Amino acid sequence: MAPGPNFKDKLLGHKVVIIGGSRGIGLGVAEAFLSSGAHVHVIGYTAANVDKAVSLLKEEYPDPSLSISGSTSDARDEAAITEALRQLAPIDHIVYTAVDARIRGPISALDIANARELVGVKFWGQVIVAKVIANNDIIKPGGSYTVSSGTLSLRPEPATAVGSALNAAVNALTKGLAIDLAPKRVRVNAVVPGFVTSTHETLTPEREAALKQRADKLLTGFIGTTEDIAEAYLYHARAKYTTGTLSVVDGGLLLG
């Protein structure tokens, strides 16, 4: 009898690079890939955050067969990130979760210079990595590049006009990159996360009360964690027939 489908080991031994993997959602994604038997390299902006993340991951996943490493780079610096990814190649999957502060506040008081800087991290950083993939044999054929957006792209809130537009631009970018990187046989998808808490966050009573208020508005009835969001990134790495799509993971916020 022929063996059945092997879902469990689809990512076993794959090499994954997570840009922005030293904290937040990126760290949760690193944990998820390691749980699936993949080798992980996190790229962060500061050495302190990278060292802390690598130490945590090695403590959580002491299996000597798993490779866990990290380095620093600035995704806005084309030369720097190009060299970093060339040194790590060949790679099976690249995940981009890097983001600076969120762009918030009334449009009347927007700090244009600061907003431009923040756009550079989330939007242009993801563009630059795509350019590196297009011009180099970085990702193995059949591999994936997963970018990150946000639910404000689909439902803006007051005082979020620029941040919403930034995330919407990433959504459009995803579909275009899926077409442009198809000749390299690299799939491109986006995860569109809603509000989540970090798995490693210590909650104060005040924070728990605020989260409960927010959770009551969700169809799931609870606020997700970075672990819940990471499931979507795993899917896009595993789903070799999926490209150019947006995966919304928001607890049903957009239906509320």
C-alpha atoms as a PDB file:
ATOM      1  CA  MET A   1       0.000   0.000   0.000  1.00  0.00           C
ATOM      2  CA  ALA A   2       1.301   3.451  -0.928  1.00  0.00           C
ATOM      3  CA  PRO A   3       2.033   5.738   2.023  1.00  0.00           C
ATOM      4  CA  GLY A   4      -0.613   8.330   2.846  1.00  0.00           C
ATOM      5  CA  PRO A   5      -0.090  12.086   2.859  1.00  0.00           C
ATOM      6  CA  ASN A   6       2.613  13.277   5.213  1.00  0.00           C
ATOM      7  CA  PHE A   7       1.350  16.464   6.866  1.00  0.00           C
ATOM      8  CA  LYS A   8       3.388  16.221  10.041  1.00  0.00           C
ATOM      9  CA  ASP A   9       6.855  16.383   8.483  1.00  0.00           C
ATOM     10  CA  LYS A  10       6.280  18.886   5.664  1.00  0.00           C
ATOM     11  CA  LEU A  11       8.676  21.410   7.187  1.00  0.00           C
ATOM     12  CA  LEU A  12      11.118  18.945   8.713  1.00  0.00           C
ATOM     13  CA  GLY A  13      14.676  20.078   7.984  1.00  0.00           C
ATOM     14  CA  HIS A  14      13.620  23.227   6.141  1.00  0.00           C
ATOM     15  CA  LYS A  15      15.686  26.366   6.658  1.00  0.00           C
ATOM     16  CA  VAL A  16      13.638  29.417   7.646  1.00  0.00           C
ATOM     17  CA  VAL A  17      14.818  33.006   7.997  1.00  0.00           C
ATOM     18  CA  ILE A  18      12.577  35.345   9.996  1.00  0.00           C
ATOM     19  CA  ILE A  19      13.259  39.049   9.541  1.00  0.00           C
ATOM     20  CA  GLY A  20      11.943  40.661  12.697  1.00  0.00           C
ATOM     21  CA  GLY A  21      12.103  37.329  14.496  1.00  0.00           C
ATOM     22  CA  SER A  22      13.632  38.591  17.733  1.00  0.00           C
ATOM     23  CA  ARG A  23      10.349  39.711  19.332  1.00  0.00           C
ATOM     24  CA  GLY A  24       6.573  39.802  19.054  1.00  0.00           C
ATOM     25  CA  ILE A  25       4.894  37.902  16.260  1.00  0.00           C
ATOM     26  CA  GLY A  26       8.252  37.091  14.674  1.00  0.00           C
ATOM     27  CA  LEU A  27       9.448  35.299  17.789  1.00  0.00           C
ATOM     28  CA  GLY A  28       6.212  33.324  17.885  1.00  0.00           C
ATOM     29  CA  VAL A  29       6.765  32.363  14.254  1.00  0.00           C
ATOM     30  CA  ALA A  30      10.275  31.168  15.095  1.00  0.00           C
ATOM     31  CA  GLU A  31       8.859  28.960  17.849  1.00  0.00           C
ATOM     32  CA  ALA A  32       6.243  27.541  15.485  1.00  0.00           C
ATOM     33  CA  PHE A  33       8.764  26.565  12.832  1.00  0.00           C
ATOM     34  CA  LEU A  34      11.061  24.961  15.380  1.00  0.00           C
ATOM     35  CA  SER A  35       8.094  22.978  16.698  1.00  0.00           C
ATOM     36  CA  SER A  36       7.675  21.662  13.147  1.00  0.00           C
ATOM     37  CA  GLY A  37      11.298  20.507  12.915  1.00  0.00           C
ATOM     38  CA  ALA A  38      12.613  23.404  10.831  1.00  0.00           C
ATOM     39  CA  HIS A  39      15.944  25.179  11.309  1.00  0.00           C
ATOM     40  CA  VAL A  40      15.540  28.861  12.197  1.00  0.00           C
ATOM     41  CA  HIS A  41      17.645  31.968  11.779  1.00  0.00           C
ATOM     42  CA  VAL A  42      16.260  35.216  13.195  1.00  0.00           C
ATOM     43  CA  ILE A  43      17.328  38.623  11.912  1.00  0.00           C
ATOM     44  CA  GLY A  44      16.748  41.574  14.201  1.00  0.00           C
ATOM     45  CA  TYR A  45      17.759  45.204  14.393  1.00  0.00           C
ATOM     46  CA  THR A  46      19.627  45.117  17.713  1.00  0.00           C
ATOM     47  CA  ALA A  47      22.130  42.571  18.963  1.00  0.00           C
ATOM     48  CA  ALA A  48      20.588  42.575  22.433  1.00  0.00           C
ATOM     49  CA  ASN A  49      17.163  41.507  21.162  1.00  0.00           C
ATOM     50  CA  VAL A  50      18.639  38.893  18.825  1.00  0.00           C
ATOM     51  CA  ASP A  51      20.812  37.375  21.552  1.00  0.00           C
ATOM     52  CA  LYS A  52      17.857  37.258  23.945  1.00  0.00           C
ATOM     53  CA  ALA A  53      15.636  35.595  21.345  1.00  0.00           C
ATOM     54  CA  VAL A  54      18.234  32.987  20.348  1.00  0.00           C
ATOM     55  CA  SER A  55      18.889  32.118  23.998  1.00  0.00           C
ATOM     56  CA  LEU A  56      15.159  31.710  24.638  1.00  0.00           C
ATOM     57  CA  LEU A  57      14.655  29.544  21.558  1.00  0.00           C
ATOM     58  CA  LYS A  58      17.591  27.300  22.427  1.00  0.00           C
ATOM     59  CA  GLU A  59      16.193  26.883  25.932  1.00  0.00           C
ATOM     60  CA  GLU A  60      12.749  25.993  24.581  1.00  0.00           C
ATOM     61  CA  TYR A  61      14.081  23.688  21.842  1.00  0.00           C
ATOM     62  CA  PRO A  62      17.255  21.977  23.115  1.00  0.00           C
ATOM     63  CA  ASP A  63      17.144  19.311  20.380  1.00  0.00           C
ATOM     64  CA  PRO A  64      20.738  19.301  18.990  1.00  0.00           C
ATOM     65  CA  SER A  65      19.427  18.372  15.536  1.00  0.00           C
ATOM     66  CA  LEU A  66      17.769  21.801  15.261  1.00  0.00           C
ATOM     67  CA  SER A  67      19.848  24.743  14.108  1.00  0.00           C
ATOM     68  CA  ILE A  68      18.982  28.009  15.910  1.00  0.00           C
ATOM     69  CA  SER A  69      20.936  31.146  15.089  1.00  0.00           C
ATOM     70  CA  GLY A  70      20.562  34.885  14.679  1.00  0.00           C
ATOM     71  CA  SER A  71      22.154  38.025  13.303  1.00  0.00           C
ATOM     72  CA  THR A  72      21.528  41.747  13.011  1.00  0.00           C
ATOM     73  CA  SER A  73      20.721  43.747   9.899  1.00  0.00           C
ATOM     74  CA  ASP A  74      18.670  46.732   8.768  1.00  0.00           C
ATOM     75  CA  ALA A  75      16.018  45.635   6.266  1.00  0.00           C
ATOM     76  CA  ARG A  76      15.893  49.188   4.882  1.00  0.00           C
ATOM     77  CA  ASP A  77      19.571  48.923   3.882  1.00  0.00           C
ATOM     78  CA  GLU A  78      19.549  47.096   0.546  1.00  0.00           C
ATOM     79  CA  ALA A  79      23.262  46.280   0.556  1.00  0.00           C
ATOM     80  CA  ALA A  80      23.207  45.010   4.148  1.00  0.00           C
ATOM     81  CA  ILE A  81      20.159  42.768   3.841  1.00  0.00           C
ATOM     82  CA  THR A  82      21.341  41.476   0.461  1.00  0.00           C
ATOM     83  CA  GLU A  83      24.643  40.364   1.954  1.00  0.00           C
ATOM     84  CA  ALA A  84      22.928  38.879   5.016  1.00  0.00           C
ATOM     85  CA  LEU A  85      20.567  36.739   2.920  1.00  0.00           C
ATOM     86  CA  ARG A  86      23.295  35.697   0.483  1.00  0.00           C
ATOM     87  CA  GLN A  87      25.324  34.350   3.386  1.00  0.00           C
ATOM     88  CA  LEU A  88      22.336  32.361   4.629  1.00  0.00           C
ATOM     89  CA  ALA A  89      21.343  30.891   1.258  1.00  0.00           C
ATOM     90  CA  PRO A  90      20.005  28.471   0.247  1.00  0.00           C
ATOM     91  CA  ILE A  91      16.822  29.136   2.230  1.00  0.00           C
ATOM     92  CA  ASP A  92      13.472  27.350   2.048  1.00  0.00           C
ATOM     93  CA  HIS A  93      11.301  30.119   3.480  1.00  0.00           C
ATOM     94  CA  ILE A  94      11.650  33.799   4.399  1.00  0.00           C
ATOM     95  CA  VAL A  95       9.152  35.431   6.749  1.00  0.00           C
ATOM     96  CA  TYR A  96       9.037  39.196   7.227  1.00  0.00           C
ATOM     97  CA  THR A  97       7.472  40.474  10.454  1.00  0.00           C
ATOM     98  CA  ALA A  98       9.697  43.484  11.134  1.00  0.00           C
ATOM     99  CA  VAL A  99       7.891  46.649  12.141  1.00  0.00           C
ATOM    100  CA  ASP A 100       8.772  49.772  14.063  1.00  0.00           C
ATOM    101  CA  ALA A 101       6.217  51.818  16.015  1.00  0.00           C
ATOM    102  CA  ARG A 102       2.681  52.006  14.645  1.00  0.00           C
ATOM    103  CA  ILE A 103       1.602  55.155  12.807  1.00  0.00           C
ATOM    104  CA  ARG A 104      -1.234  56.536  14.918  1.00  0.00           C
ATOM    105  CA  GLY A 105      -2.853  59.882  15.647  1.00  0.00           C
ATOM    106  CA  PRO A 106      -5.086  62.429  13.941  1.00  0.00           C
ATOM    107  CA  ILE A 107      -4.064  63.348  10.424  1.00  0.00           C
ATOM    108  CA  SER A 108      -4.000  67.008  11.453  1.00  0.00           C
ATOM    109  CA  ALA A 109      -1.080  66.331  13.784  1.00  0.00           C
ATOM    110  CA  LEU A 110       0.813  63.724  11.722  1.00  0.00           C
ATOM    111  CA  ASP A 111       4.596  63.914  11.930  1.00  0.00           C
ATOM    112  CA  ILE A 112       5.349  63.395   8.233  1.00  0.00           C
ATOM    113  CA  ALA A 113       9.067  62.756   8.677  1.00  0.00           C
ATOM    114  CA  ASN A 114       8.472  60.148  11.356  1.00  0.00           C
ATOM    115  CA  ALA A 115       5.717  58.494   9.317  1.00  0.00           C
ATOM    116  CA  ARG A 116       8.051  58.195   6.328  1.00  0.00           C
ATOM    117  CA  GLU A 117      10.624  56.481   8.519  1.00  0.00           C
ATOM    118  CA  LEU A 118       8.061  53.996   9.830  1.00  0.00           C
ATOM    119  CA  VAL A 119       6.803  53.256   6.317  1.00  0.00           C
ATOM    120  CA  GLY A 120      10.387  52.429   5.411  1.00  0.00           C
ATOM    121  CA  VAL A 121      10.554  49.542   7.881  1.00  0.00           C
ATOM    122  CA  LYS A 122       7.280  47.820   7.083  1.00  0.00           C
ATOM    123  CA  PHE A 123       6.763  48.583   3.404  1.00  0.00           C
ATOM    124  CA  TRP A 124      10.128  49.282   1.798  1.00  0.00           C
ATOM    125  CA  GLY A 125      11.848  46.616   3.869  1.00  0.00           C
ATOM    126  CA  GLN A 126       9.503  43.991   2.438  1.00  0.00           C
ATOM    127  CA  VAL A 127      10.058  45.387  -1.066  1.00  0.00           C
ATOM    128  CA  ILE A 128      13.839  45.258  -0.683  1.00  0.00           C
ATOM    129  CA  VAL A 129      13.774  41.633   0.461  1.00  0.00           C
ATOM    130  CA  ALA A 130      11.642  40.767  -2.575  1.00  0.00           C
ATOM    131  CA  LYS A 131      14.211  42.460  -4.827  1.00  0.00           C
ATOM    132  CA  VAL A 132      16.985  40.410  -3.218  1.00  0.00           C
ATOM    133  CA  ILE A 133      14.999  37.231  -3.868  1.00  0.00           C
ATOM    134  CA  ALA A 134      14.377  38.235  -7.495  1.00  0.00           C
ATOM    135  CA  ASN A 135      18.026  38.974  -8.225  1.00  0.00           C
ATOM    136  CA  ASN A 136      19.670  36.089  -6.379  1.00  0.00           C
ATOM    137  CA  ASP A 137      19.251  32.364  -5.866  1.00  0.00           C
ATOM    138  CA  ILE A 138      18.287  32.893  -2.235  1.00  0.00           C
ATOM    139  CA  ILE A 139      15.135  30.781  -1.881  1.00  0.00           C
ATOM    140  CA  LYS A 140      14.978  27.249  -3.227  1.00  0.00           C
ATOM    141  CA  PRO A 141      12.409  26.662  -6.000  1.00  0.00           C
ATOM    142  CA  GLY A 142       9.102  25.811  -4.352  1.00  0.00           C
ATOM    143  CA  GLY A 143       9.907  27.908  -1.309  1.00  0.00           C
ATOM    144  CA  SER A 144       8.007  30.879   0.053  1.00  0.00           C
ATOM    145  CA  TYR A 145       8.194  34.503   1.096  1.00  0.00           C
ATOM    146  CA  THR A 146       5.525  35.489   3.613  1.00  0.00           C
ATOM    147  CA  VAL A 147       4.990  39.157   4.408  1.00  0.00           C
ATOM    148  CA  SER A 148       2.936  40.848   7.111  1.00  0.00           C
ATOM    149  CA  SER A 149       0.098  43.344   6.917  1.00  0.00           C
ATOM    150  CA  GLY A 150      -2.659  44.187   9.440  1.00  0.00           C
ATOM    151  CA  THR A 151      -6.432  44.339   9.760  1.00  0.00           C
ATOM    152  CA  LEU A 152      -6.460  48.140   9.616  1.00  0.00           C
ATOM    153  CA  SER A 153      -5.899  47.622   5.892  1.00  0.00           C
ATOM    154  CA  LEU A 154      -9.425  46.210   5.714  1.00  0.00           C
ATOM    155  CA  ARG A 155     -11.183  48.284   8.373  1.00  0.00           C
ATOM    156  CA  PRO A 156      -9.556  51.589   9.337  1.00  0.00           C
ATOM    157  CA  GLU A 157     -10.283  53.109  12.714  1.00  0.00           C
ATOM    158  CA  PRO A 158     -10.213  56.774  13.719  1.00  0.00           C
ATOM    159  CA  ALA A 159      -6.710  58.285  13.685  1.00  0.00           C
ATOM    160  CA  THR A 160      -5.210  55.396  11.699  1.00  0.00           C
ATOM    161  CA  ALA A 161      -5.471  56.676   8.110  1.00  0.00           C
ATOM    162  CA  VAL A 162      -1.770  56.455   7.239  1.00  0.00           C
ATOM    163  CA  GLY A 163      -1.176  53.199   9.086  1.00  0.00           C
ATOM    164  CA  SER A 164      -4.215  51.695   7.368  1.00  0.00           C
ATOM    165  CA  ALA A 165      -2.948  52.812   3.972  1.00  0.00           C
ATOM    166  CA  LEU A 166       0.476  51.327   4.714  1.00  0.00           C
ATOM    167  CA  ASN A 167      -1.033  47.936   5.483  1.00  0.00           C
ATOM    168  CA  ALA A 168      -3.274  48.134   2.409  1.00  0.00           C
ATOM    169  CA  ALA A 169      -0.179  48.781   0.310  1.00  0.00           C
ATOM    170  CA  VAL A 170       1.367  45.577   1.676  1.00  0.00           C
ATOM    171  CA  ASN A 171      -1.780  43.668   0.664  1.00  0.00           C
ATOM    172  CA  ALA A 172      -1.500  44.931  -2.911  1.00  0.00           C
ATOM    173  CA  LEU A 173       2.251  44.316  -2.898  1.00  0.00           C
ATOM    174  CA  THR A 174       1.668  40.671  -1.983  1.00  0.00           C
ATOM    175  CA  LYS A 175      -0.361  39.962  -5.101  1.00  0.00           C
ATOM    176  CA  GLY A 176       2.074  41.751  -7.368  1.00  0.00           C
ATOM    177  CA  LEU A 177       5.082  39.971  -5.885  1.00  0.00           C
ATOM    178  CA  ALA A 178       3.369  36.594  -6.284  1.00  0.00           C
ATOM    179  CA  ILE A 179       3.355  37.314 -10.023  1.00  0.00           C
ATOM    180  CA  ASP A 180       6.845  38.825 -10.184  1.00  0.00           C
ATOM    181  CA  LEU A 181       8.540  36.054  -8.192  1.00  0.00           C
ATOM    182  CA  ALA A 182       6.715  33.199  -9.909  1.00  0.00           C
ATOM    183  CA  PRO A 183       9.599  32.728 -12.410  1.00  0.00           C
ATOM    184  CA  LYS A 184      11.830  31.981  -9.398  1.00  0.00           C
ATOM    185  CA  ARG A 185       9.196  29.447  -8.226  1.00  0.00           C
ATOM    186  CA  VAL A 186       8.810  31.385  -4.991  1.00  0.00           C
ATOM    187  CA  ARG A 187       5.331  31.719  -3.519  1.00  0.00           C
ATOM    188  CA  VAL A 188       4.348  35.015  -1.881  1.00  0.00           C
ATOM    189  CA  ASN A 189       1.526  35.396   0.639  1.00  0.00           C
ATOM    190  CA  ALA A 190       0.596  37.788   3.432  1.00  0.00           C
ATOM    191  CA  VAL A 191      -0.649  37.268   6.952  1.00  0.00           C
ATOM    192  CA  VAL A 192      -3.075  39.967   8.097  1.00  0.00           C
ATOM    193  CA  PRO A 193      -3.025  39.796  11.905  1.00  0.00           C
ATOM    194  CA  GLY A 194      -5.476  41.444  14.236  1.00  0.00           C
ATOM    195  CA  PHE A 195      -4.659  42.539  17.755  1.00  0.00           C
ATOM    196  CA  VAL A 196      -2.739  39.906  19.723  1.00  0.00           C
ATOM    197  CA  THR A 197      -0.671  39.616  22.861  1.00  0.00           C
ATOM    198  CA  SER A 198       2.769  38.072  23.140  1.00  0.00           C
ATOM    199  CA  THR A 199       3.002  34.542  24.474  1.00  0.00           C
ATOM    200  CA  HIS A 200       5.810  35.817  26.697  1.00  0.00           C
ATOM    201  CA  GLU A 201       3.964  38.888  27.953  1.00  0.00           C
ATOM    202  CA  THR A 202       3.340  39.233  31.687  1.00  0.00           C
ATOM    203  CA  LEU A 203      -0.105  40.748  32.121  1.00  0.00           C
ATOM    204  CA  THR A 204      -0.958  43.231  34.856  1.00  0.00           C
ATOM    205  CA  PRO A 205      -4.511  43.243  36.277  1.00  0.00           C
ATOM    206  CA  GLU A 206      -5.185  46.476  34.376  1.00  0.00           C
ATOM    207  CA  ARG A 207      -3.949  44.964  31.133  1.00  0.00           C
ATOM    208  CA  GLU A 208      -6.082  41.852  31.668  1.00  0.00           C
ATOM    209  CA  ALA A 209      -9.170  43.996  32.212  1.00  0.00           C
ATOM    210  CA  ALA A 210      -8.503  45.962  29.035  1.00  0.00           C
ATOM    211  CA  LEU A 211      -7.979  42.757  27.064  1.00  0.00           C
ATOM    212  CA  LYS A 212     -11.225  41.306  28.379  1.00  0.00           C
ATOM    213  CA  GLN A 213     -13.115  44.342  27.133  1.00  0.00           C
ATOM    214  CA  ARG A 214     -11.571  43.915  23.706  1.00  0.00           C
ATOM    215  CA  ALA A 215     -12.145  40.147  23.737  1.00  0.00           C
ATOM    216  CA  ASP A 216     -15.862  40.605  24.370  1.00  0.00           C
ATOM    217  CA  LYS A 217     -16.113  42.214  20.920  1.00  0.00           C
ATOM    218  CA  LEU A 218     -14.588  39.224  19.132  1.00  0.00           C
ATOM    219  CA  LEU A 219     -16.438  36.199  17.782  1.00  0.00           C
ATOM    220  CA  THR A 220     -13.867  33.911  19.379  1.00  0.00           C
ATOM    221  CA  GLY A 221     -14.435  35.518  22.777  1.00  0.00           C
ATOM    222  CA  PHE A 222     -10.707  35.794  23.513  1.00  0.00           C
ATOM    223  CA  ILE A 223      -7.649  37.727  22.392  1.00  0.00           C
ATOM    224  CA  GLY A 224      -5.204  35.598  20.442  1.00  0.00           C
ATOM    225  CA  THR A 225      -1.506  35.315  21.139  1.00  0.00           C
ATOM    226  CA  THR A 226       1.534  35.329  18.910  1.00  0.00           C
ATOM    227  CA  GLU A 227       1.265  31.528  18.948  1.00  0.00           C
ATOM    228  CA  ASP A 228      -2.178  31.744  17.330  1.00  0.00           C
ATOM    229  CA  ILE A 229      -0.928  34.109  14.620  1.00  0.00           C
ATOM    230  CA  ALA A 230       2.103  31.901  13.924  1.00  0.00           C
ATOM    231  CA  GLU A 231      -0.182  29.131  12.666  1.00  0.00           C
ATOM    232  CA  ALA A 232      -0.933  31.217   9.563  1.00  0.00           C
ATOM    233  CA  TYR A 233       2.761  31.612   8.746  1.00  0.00           C
ATOM    234  CA  LEU A 234       3.226  27.857   9.037  1.00  0.00           C
ATOM    235  CA  TYR A 235       0.336  27.334   6.638  1.00  0.00           C
ATOM    236  CA  HIS A 236       1.868  29.540   3.962  1.00  0.00           C
ATOM    237  CA  ALA A 237       5.180  27.729   4.206  1.00  0.00           C
ATOM    238  CA  ARG A 238       3.495  24.333   3.966  1.00  0.00           C
ATOM    239  CA  ALA A 239       0.809  25.097   1.362  1.00  0.00           C
ATOM    240  CA  LYS A 240       2.744  24.740  -1.891  1.00  0.00           C
ATOM    241  CA  TYR A 241      -0.385  25.361  -4.007  1.00  0.00           C
ATOM    242  CA  THR A 242      -1.080  28.748  -2.390  1.00  0.00           C
ATOM    243  CA  THR A 243       0.306  32.082  -3.586  1.00  0.00           C
ATOM    244  CA  GLY A 244      -0.873  35.668  -3.816  1.00  0.00           C
ATOM    245  CA  THR A 245      -3.309  35.284  -0.915  1.00  0.00           C
ATOM    246  CA  LEU A 246      -4.106  37.170   2.282  1.00  0.00           C
ATOM    247  CA  SER A 247      -4.760  35.221   5.490  1.00  0.00           C
ATOM    248  CA  VAL A 248      -6.765  37.236   8.015  1.00  0.00           C
ATOM    249  CA  VAL A 249      -6.268  36.066  11.603  1.00  0.00           C
ATOM    250  CA  ASP A 250      -8.285  38.418  13.797  1.00  0.00           C
ATOM    251  CA  GLY A 251     -10.638  36.437  16.041  1.00  0.00           C
ATOM    252  CA  GLY A 252     -13.557  37.445  13.839  1.00  0.00           C
ATOM    253  CA  LEU A 253     -13.045  41.183  14.380  1.00  0.00           C
ATOM    254  CA  LEU A 254     -13.983  42.127  10.836  1.00  0.00           C
ATOM    255  CA  LEU A 255     -17.319  40.339  11.167  1.00  0.00           C
ATOM    256  CA  GLY A 256     -18.237  41.995  14.441  1.00  0.00           C
END
